[in-house]
Protein backbone atom coordinates (compact mmCIF):
# COMPACT_ATOMS: atom_id res chain seq x y z
CA MET A 1 -28.57 -2.36 -25.77
CA TYR A 2 -27.91 -5.96 -24.84
CA TYR A 3 -25.28 -8.63 -25.47
CA ARG A 4 -25.93 -11.90 -27.31
CA LEU A 5 -23.37 -14.65 -26.87
CA ILE A 6 -23.05 -17.42 -29.46
CA LEU A 7 -21.60 -20.51 -27.81
CA MET A 8 -20.63 -23.97 -28.99
CA ASN A 9 -20.73 -27.08 -26.83
CA TYR A 10 -18.18 -29.63 -27.99
CA LYS A 11 -17.21 -32.62 -25.85
CA ASN A 12 -18.62 -30.93 -22.72
CA LYS A 13 -16.52 -27.80 -23.29
CA ILE A 14 -18.04 -24.42 -23.99
CA SER A 15 -16.39 -22.31 -26.68
CA LEU A 16 -17.34 -18.70 -27.34
CA LEU A 17 -17.79 -18.08 -31.07
CA GLN A 18 -19.18 -14.56 -31.19
CA VAL A 19 -20.39 -11.66 -29.07
CA ASN A 20 -23.15 -9.65 -30.70
CA ILE A 21 -23.93 -6.17 -29.37
CA CYS A 22 -27.59 -5.54 -30.17
CA TYR A 23 -29.61 -2.30 -30.27
CA LYS A 24 -33.38 -1.97 -30.56
CA LYS A 25 -34.58 0.69 -33.00
CA HIS A 26 -37.73 2.75 -32.62
CA SER A 27 -39.41 0.61 -35.28
CA ASN A 28 -39.03 -2.39 -32.96
CA SER A 29 -36.42 -3.84 -35.31
CA THR A 30 -33.05 -4.90 -33.92
CA ILE A 31 -29.55 -4.24 -35.21
CA CYS A 32 -26.75 -6.52 -33.98
CA LEU A 33 -23.06 -5.75 -34.45
CA GLN A 34 -20.92 -8.86 -34.64
CA THR A 35 -17.67 -9.15 -32.66
CA GLN A 36 -15.51 -12.19 -33.19
CA GLY A 37 -14.73 -14.49 -30.30
CA ASP A 38 -11.97 -16.97 -29.50
CA ARG A 39 -8.55 -16.24 -31.02
CA ARG A 40 -9.87 -13.57 -33.38
CA MET A 41 -11.31 -11.54 -30.51
CA LYS A 42 -9.46 -8.23 -30.59
CA ASN A 43 -11.24 -6.26 -27.89
CA ARG A 44 -10.89 -8.50 -24.82
CA PHE A 45 -12.07 -5.81 -22.44
CA LEU A 46 -15.36 -5.44 -24.37
CA LEU A 47 -15.78 -9.20 -24.28
CA SER A 48 -15.10 -9.35 -20.54
CA GLN A 49 -17.67 -6.63 -19.88
CA ALA A 50 -20.18 -8.54 -22.00
CA LEU A 51 -19.59 -11.70 -20.01
CA ILE A 52 -20.13 -9.82 -16.76
CA ALA A 53 -23.21 -8.02 -18.06
CA THR A 54 -24.91 -11.23 -19.15
CA GLY A 55 -24.60 -12.65 -15.65
CA SER A 56 -23.78 -16.32 -16.05
CA LEU A 57 -23.16 -18.41 -19.16
CA ILE A 58 -25.66 -20.93 -20.47
CA LEU A 59 -23.54 -23.99 -19.88
CA PHE A 60 -25.63 -26.71 -21.50
CA GLY A 61 -25.01 -29.08 -18.60
CA CYS A 62 -21.34 -28.21 -18.27
CA ALA A 63 -20.19 -27.07 -14.78
CA THR A 64 -16.87 -25.49 -15.78
CA MET A 65 -15.66 -22.65 -17.99
CA SER A 66 -13.22 -22.98 -20.81
CA ALA A 67 -9.68 -21.82 -20.10
CA GLN A 68 -10.12 -18.90 -22.47
CA THR A 69 -13.34 -17.70 -20.84
CA THR A 70 -11.73 -18.00 -17.40
CA GLN A 71 -8.82 -15.89 -18.56
CA GLN A 72 -11.22 -13.27 -19.92
CA TYR A 73 -12.93 -13.04 -16.53
CA LEU A 74 -9.52 -12.75 -14.81
CA THR A 75 -8.56 -9.95 -17.18
CA ALA A 76 -11.81 -8.13 -16.41
CA THR A 77 -11.20 -8.54 -12.68
CA LYS A 78 -7.68 -7.10 -12.85
CA GLU A 79 -8.80 -4.16 -14.98
CA ASN A 80 -11.57 -3.27 -12.52
CA LEU A 81 -9.67 -3.98 -9.30
CA THR A 82 -8.86 -0.37 -8.44
CA ILE A 83 -11.38 1.55 -10.54
CA ASN A 84 -14.46 -0.56 -9.72
CA PRO A 85 -13.75 -3.18 -7.02
CA GLN A 86 -17.42 -4.22 -6.84
CA LEU A 87 -17.34 -5.20 -10.52
CA ALA A 88 -14.08 -7.04 -9.83
CA VAL A 89 -15.85 -9.02 -7.11
CA GLU A 90 -18.62 -9.95 -9.53
CA SER A 91 -16.32 -11.09 -12.35
CA SER A 92 -14.08 -13.15 -10.06
CA THR A 93 -17.16 -14.69 -8.44
CA LYS A 94 -18.24 -15.99 -11.88
CA ILE A 95 -15.03 -18.02 -12.05
CA ILE A 96 -15.41 -19.29 -8.50
CA GLN A 97 -19.01 -20.34 -9.15
CA SER A 98 -18.07 -22.21 -12.33
CA GLY A 99 -17.07 -25.19 -10.22
CA LYS A 100 -13.34 -25.46 -10.98
CA PRO A 101 -11.08 -24.25 -8.12
CA ASN A 102 -9.06 -21.22 -9.16
CA ALA A 103 -6.58 -19.76 -6.66
CA GLU A 104 -6.03 -16.55 -8.61
CA ALA A 105 -9.76 -15.81 -8.70
CA TYR A 106 -9.92 -16.09 -4.91
CA HIS A 107 -6.80 -13.94 -4.57
CA LEU A 108 -8.15 -11.19 -6.83
CA ARG A 109 -11.54 -11.25 -5.13
CA GLY A 110 -9.76 -10.96 -1.78
CA LEU A 111 -7.98 -7.83 -3.03
CA ALA A 112 -11.29 -6.42 -4.29
CA TYR A 113 -13.02 -7.10 -0.97
CA GLN A 114 -10.11 -5.40 0.78
CA GLN A 115 -10.64 -2.32 -1.41
CA LEU A 116 -14.28 -2.39 -0.28
CA ASN A 117 -13.19 -2.69 3.40
CA ASN A 118 -14.87 -6.09 3.69
CA PHE A 119 -11.97 -7.54 5.63
CA ALA A 120 -13.69 -10.74 6.77
CA ALA A 121 -14.51 -11.74 3.19
CA SER A 122 -11.04 -10.68 2.06
CA GLU A 123 -9.33 -12.81 4.69
CA SER A 124 -11.48 -15.83 3.81
CA ASP A 125 -10.57 -15.54 0.12
CA PHE A 126 -6.85 -15.11 0.82
CA GLN A 127 -6.90 -18.22 3.02
CA THR A 128 -8.68 -20.20 0.29
CA ALA A 129 -6.19 -19.00 -2.33
CA LEU A 130 -3.32 -20.16 -0.12
CA LYS A 131 -4.96 -23.56 0.42
CA LEU A 132 -5.17 -24.00 -3.35
CA ASP A 133 -1.64 -22.70 -3.97
CA GLN A 134 0.36 -22.99 -0.76
CA LYS A 135 3.67 -21.91 -2.31
CA ASN A 136 2.58 -18.65 -3.94
CA GLU A 137 4.52 -15.85 -2.24
CA SER A 138 2.31 -13.16 -3.81
CA TYR A 139 -0.69 -14.59 -1.98
CA MET A 140 1.31 -14.68 1.25
CA VAL A 141 2.23 -10.99 0.91
CA SER A 142 -1.34 -9.97 0.12
CA TYR A 143 -2.58 -11.79 3.19
CA ALA A 144 0.21 -10.28 5.31
CA ASN A 145 -0.75 -6.79 4.11
CA LEU A 146 -4.35 -7.39 5.13
CA LEU A 147 -3.29 -8.68 8.56
CA CYS A 148 -1.13 -5.60 9.01
CA GLN A 149 -4.07 -3.38 8.12
CA GLU A 150 -6.08 -5.23 10.77
CA GLN A 151 -3.16 -4.63 13.21
CA ASN A 152 -2.52 -8.35 13.59
CA TYR A 153 1.18 -7.64 13.32
CA THR A 154 2.58 -10.88 14.73
CA LYS A 155 0.67 -13.04 12.26
CA ALA A 156 1.45 -10.62 9.44
CA GLN A 157 5.18 -10.97 10.05
CA ILE A 158 4.87 -14.75 9.90
CA TYR A 159 3.44 -14.51 6.39
CA TYR A 160 6.03 -11.92 5.29
CA ASP A 161 8.75 -14.29 6.46
CA GLN A 162 7.14 -17.22 4.65
CA ALA A 163 7.00 -15.12 1.48
CA TYR A 164 10.71 -14.26 1.85
CA ASN A 165 11.67 -17.89 2.24
CA GLN A 166 9.52 -19.08 -0.64
CA ALA A 167 10.75 -16.37 -3.02
CA LYS A 168 14.38 -17.07 -2.14
CA LYS A 169 13.86 -20.78 -2.68
CA LEU A 170 12.45 -20.17 -6.15
CA ASN A 171 14.92 -17.36 -6.91
CA HIS A 172 12.04 -14.91 -7.37
CA GLN A 173 12.13 -11.13 -6.97
CA LEU A 174 12.13 -9.97 -3.32
CA THR A 175 11.71 -6.23 -3.86
CA LYS A 176 7.95 -5.98 -3.33
CA ILE A 177 8.12 -8.18 -0.23
CA TYR A 178 10.78 -5.92 1.28
CA ILE A 179 8.74 -2.79 0.53
CA ASP A 180 5.44 -4.13 1.87
CA ASN A 181 7.10 -5.50 4.99
CA GLY A 182 8.81 -2.13 5.49
CA ASP A 183 5.46 -0.36 5.22
CA CYS A 184 3.97 -2.65 7.85
CA LEU A 185 6.93 -2.15 10.21
CA THR A 186 6.64 1.62 9.79
CA THR A 187 2.99 1.57 10.87
CA GLN A 188 4.19 -0.17 14.06
CA ASN A 189 6.84 2.50 14.65
CA LYS A 190 9.54 -0.16 14.21
CA LEU A 191 11.62 2.23 12.21
CA GLU A 192 15.04 0.58 12.32
CA PRO A 193 13.88 -2.78 10.89
CA ALA A 194 11.65 -0.87 8.46
CA ILE A 195 14.67 1.06 7.18
CA ALA A 196 16.61 -2.18 6.86
CA SER A 197 13.79 -3.69 4.80
CA TYR A 198 13.60 -0.67 2.48
CA THR A 199 17.39 -0.72 2.11
CA ASN A 200 17.19 -4.32 0.92
CA ALA A 201 14.56 -3.27 -1.61
CA LEU A 202 16.80 -0.46 -2.89
CA ALA A 203 19.52 -2.99 -3.67
CA ASP A 204 17.37 -3.63 -6.74
CA GLU A 205 18.34 -0.93 -9.26
CA SER A 206 14.83 -1.07 -10.72
CA ALA A 207 13.12 -0.61 -7.34
CA PRO A 208 9.86 1.37 -7.70
CA VAL A 209 9.28 4.83 -6.27
CA THR A 210 7.45 3.32 -3.28
CA ALA A 211 10.77 2.05 -1.92
CA TYR A 212 12.24 5.57 -1.91
CA ILE A 213 9.05 7.00 -0.42
CA GLY A 214 9.00 4.32 2.26
CA ILE A 215 12.57 4.81 3.49
CA ALA A 216 12.19 8.61 3.41
CA HIS A 217 9.00 8.35 5.44
CA ALA A 218 10.77 6.23 8.08
CA TYR A 219 13.60 8.77 8.39
CA ILE A 220 11.07 11.61 8.59
CA LEU A 221 9.47 9.89 11.57
CA GLN A 222 12.93 9.85 13.14
CA GLU A 223 13.17 13.54 12.25
CA ASN A 224 16.29 12.76 10.25
CA PHE A 225 15.42 15.04 7.35
CA PRO A 226 18.88 15.19 5.70
CA VAL A 227 18.96 11.40 5.22
CA ALA A 228 15.33 11.39 4.05
CA ASN A 229 16.25 14.00 1.46
CA TYR A 230 19.29 11.97 0.43
CA TYR A 231 17.22 8.89 -0.41
CA LEU A 232 14.60 10.88 -2.26
CA GLY A 233 17.40 12.36 -4.34
CA LEU A 234 18.49 8.87 -5.41
CA TYR A 235 15.25 8.28 -7.29
CA LYS A 236 15.77 8.95 -10.99
CA GLY A 237 12.32 8.10 -12.30
CA ILE A 238 9.32 10.32 -12.95
CA PRO A 239 8.02 11.57 -9.56
CA ASN A 240 4.37 10.92 -8.74
CA LYS A 241 2.16 12.96 -6.42
CA GLN A 242 3.03 10.86 -3.40
CA TYR A 243 6.75 11.41 -4.00
CA LEU A 244 6.23 15.18 -4.25
CA GLN A 245 4.25 15.16 -1.00
CA ILE A 246 7.00 13.33 0.89
CA LYS A 247 9.59 15.67 -0.67
CA LEU A 248 7.63 18.66 0.64
CA VAL A 249 7.48 17.17 4.13
CA THR A 250 11.23 16.55 4.04
CA LEU A 251 12.14 20.07 2.92
CA ASN A 252 9.87 21.65 5.52
CA GLY A 253 11.84 19.78 8.16
CA LEU A 254 15.20 20.37 6.52
CA ILE A 255 14.86 24.16 6.30
CA LYS A 256 14.54 24.45 10.08
CA THR A 257 17.92 22.80 10.67
CA GLU A 258 19.87 24.41 7.83
CA PRO A 259 22.32 26.97 9.31
CA LYS A 260 23.24 28.79 6.07
CA LEU A 261 20.90 31.52 4.89
CA THR A 262 21.67 30.96 1.21
CA ASN A 263 20.79 27.27 1.52
CA ARG A 264 17.57 28.09 3.37
CA GLU A 265 16.58 30.44 0.56
CA LYS A 266 17.16 27.71 -2.03
CA ILE A 267 15.15 25.21 0.02
CA GLN A 268 12.33 27.72 0.44
CA GLN A 269 12.24 28.30 -3.30
CA THR A 270 11.91 24.55 -3.90
CA ILE A 271 9.18 24.36 -1.24
CA ASN A 272 7.22 27.09 -2.99
CA GLU A 273 7.55 25.29 -6.33
CA LEU A 274 6.35 22.01 -4.82
CA LYS A 275 3.38 23.70 -3.17
CA GLU A 276 2.41 25.28 -6.48
CA GLU A 277 2.72 21.94 -8.27
CA LEU A 278 0.62 20.20 -5.62
CA GLY A 279 -1.94 22.99 -5.53
CA ILE A 280 -1.28 23.85 -1.86
CA LYS A 281 -2.08 27.42 -0.85
CA ASP A 282 -1.06 29.03 2.44
CA ASN A 283 -3.97 30.71 4.23
CA ASN A 284 -3.87 33.79 6.41
CA GLN A 285 -3.66 31.80 9.62
CA GLN A 286 -0.71 29.80 8.25
CA GLN A 287 -2.35 26.60 9.41
CA ALA A 288 -0.60 23.28 8.96
CA SER A 289 -1.25 21.45 5.68
CA GLN A 290 -2.00 17.77 6.11
CA ILE A 291 -0.66 15.46 3.46
CA ALA A 292 -1.57 11.76 3.44
CA ALA A 293 1.54 9.71 2.72
CA THR A 294 -0.19 6.49 1.71
CA ASN A 295 1.76 3.55 0.18
CA LYS A 296 1.15 1.83 -3.36
CA ILE A 297 -2.44 1.26 -4.18
CA THR A 298 -1.86 -2.49 -4.14
CA ASN A 299 -0.43 -2.14 -0.60
CA SER A 300 -3.16 -2.43 1.97
CA THR A 301 -1.43 -1.25 5.11
CA ALA A 302 -3.12 1.60 6.94
CA PRO A 303 -2.41 5.11 5.61
CA VAL A 304 -0.16 7.35 7.67
CA THR A 305 -0.89 11.06 7.88
CA ILE A 306 2.08 13.39 8.03
CA VAL A 307 1.50 16.97 9.12
CA VAL A 308 3.41 19.51 7.07
CA LYS A 309 3.73 22.65 9.16
CA ASP A 310 4.28 26.00 7.54
CA THR A 311 7.90 27.06 7.63
CA GLU A 312 6.89 30.17 9.55
CA SER A 313 5.06 28.19 12.22
CA LYS A 314 5.31 29.59 15.73
CA THR A 315 5.74 26.13 17.24
CA THR A 316 9.00 26.05 19.21
CA PRO A 317 11.09 23.25 20.69
CA ALA A 318 10.17 24.54 24.15
CA THR A 319 6.49 23.87 23.47
CA ASN A 320 7.30 20.30 22.44
CA THR A 321 9.40 19.86 25.58
CA ASN A 322 6.53 21.07 27.77
CA ASN A 323 4.21 18.53 26.18
CA PHE A 324 6.81 15.84 26.71
CA ASN A 325 7.34 16.81 30.35
CA SER A 326 3.64 16.41 31.05
CA ARG A 327 3.98 12.75 30.07
CA VAL A 328 6.84 11.99 32.44
CA LYS A 329 5.89 9.81 35.42
CA THR A 330 7.80 8.54 38.44
CA ALA A 331 8.22 4.83 39.12
CA ALA A 332 8.22 3.22 42.57
CA ASP A 333 12.04 3.25 42.60
CA GLY A 334 12.09 7.00 41.90
CA ARG A 335 13.14 6.75 38.27
CA SER A 336 11.43 8.85 35.59
CA TYR A 337 9.71 7.19 32.63
CA ILE A 338 7.20 7.72 29.85
CA ILE A 339 4.82 5.36 28.05
CA ILE A 340 5.78 5.12 24.38
CA THR A 341 3.02 6.34 22.06
CA ALA A 342 2.70 6.43 18.28
CA GLY A 343 5.17 8.91 16.80
CA ASP A 344 7.78 8.54 19.56
CA THR A 345 11.31 7.88 18.35
CA LEU A 346 14.57 7.52 20.21
CA PHE A 347 15.85 10.66 18.49
CA ARG A 348 12.81 12.68 19.59
CA ILE A 349 12.91 11.36 23.16
CA SER A 350 16.59 12.24 23.39
CA ILE A 351 15.95 15.84 22.32
CA ASN A 352 13.03 16.38 24.69
CA SER A 353 14.59 14.62 27.69
CA LYS A 354 18.07 16.09 27.05
CA VAL A 355 19.55 12.63 27.54
CA ALA A 356 21.96 11.24 24.95
CA ILE A 357 20.68 8.45 22.69
CA ASP A 358 23.45 6.06 23.78
CA LYS A 359 22.59 6.72 27.42
CA LEU A 360 18.89 6.04 26.82
CA LYS A 361 19.74 2.79 25.04
CA GLN A 362 21.93 1.75 27.97
CA ILE A 363 19.23 2.58 30.55
CA ASN A 364 16.58 0.63 28.67
CA ASN A 365 18.83 -2.23 27.51
CA LEU A 366 18.16 -1.51 23.83
CA LYS A 367 20.19 -3.24 21.12
CA ASN A 368 18.93 -0.88 18.40
CA ASN A 369 17.00 2.38 18.07
CA GLU A 370 13.58 0.74 18.09
CA VAL A 371 11.03 1.78 20.73
CA VAL A 372 7.85 -0.24 21.21
CA THR A 373 4.48 1.50 21.41
CA GLY A 374 2.82 0.95 24.81
CA SER A 375 6.03 0.05 26.63
CA LYS A 376 7.51 1.81 29.67
CA PHE A 377 10.62 3.80 28.71
CA PHE A 378 12.96 5.02 31.47
CA LEU A 379 14.79 8.34 31.26
CA ASN A 380 17.31 7.83 34.10
């Protein structure tokens, strides 16, 4: 099988008239099925695949594509972005090589390269897209997400802020910016500003499920399971797999703090139903089940793995305290301190150190509940 394109060159512009899909028969004869082009083209995806399969167009001396052909390549790129990012790279490259600058082609190719973990190429394309369209907040957010994935958090926040300002100026939707920025802050363990960002996103009544997942995840990291469960309960849409995973994590934490037996039994019943729906089976050793709580597929921040421990786990608070105590060091002035690591929260430190949260904030001159990874945190 091969594709035959019938083109027309009129006033240095290429117009696609037909796409013929041809098959060779055993008798060496050829059968070609005709598919209309231009405005009568009904199957745009077939056309876009044909354009990609043929490599490059015969341009008859013309260095640029028609607007319609460019749009067909863009459509093919978007359709392949998540299912076949390499094909998305190829189709967007056709536009870029046509000679006419196209910011969206660079942006889409940057997203495709990011899917392929080619971060250098992705960053280069995002920068080019922003040079061609400096006021596009979607490009700013995509670049910020990549920078966050590369752990260049300071620069990422600059681009999130620029996206905020630009969207506000144009009265555009801010929801996705709030969610993506919240995801990035969560990966840095900056949970209070992350929660604030998700809360802003939830002011939009049509906020996607990722906003509810994001804020629940942040509260889970603070071990505030009742509030995490509250926000998950606010979502009225159809739950996806990621939502069910976060719900399971939340209930596994919630059951350990619920004092009433009847409530624990109800929670356990829901846990069992969620495990069955997710296909999770408890083994004889009752090992912890690991569930990856990744954000929306278009969000490129690093995945976070949450460990869901069996509700009958033998892990006790005393064991956690012993681990915590082994981290405590003594400063030159005699005060005790720890070095903040990923996963530490003010709530968790307070429980393990047996020092009230307000007291810890006073000792460390904190204005909010945020603790910074790698910093020295005093306990007295």
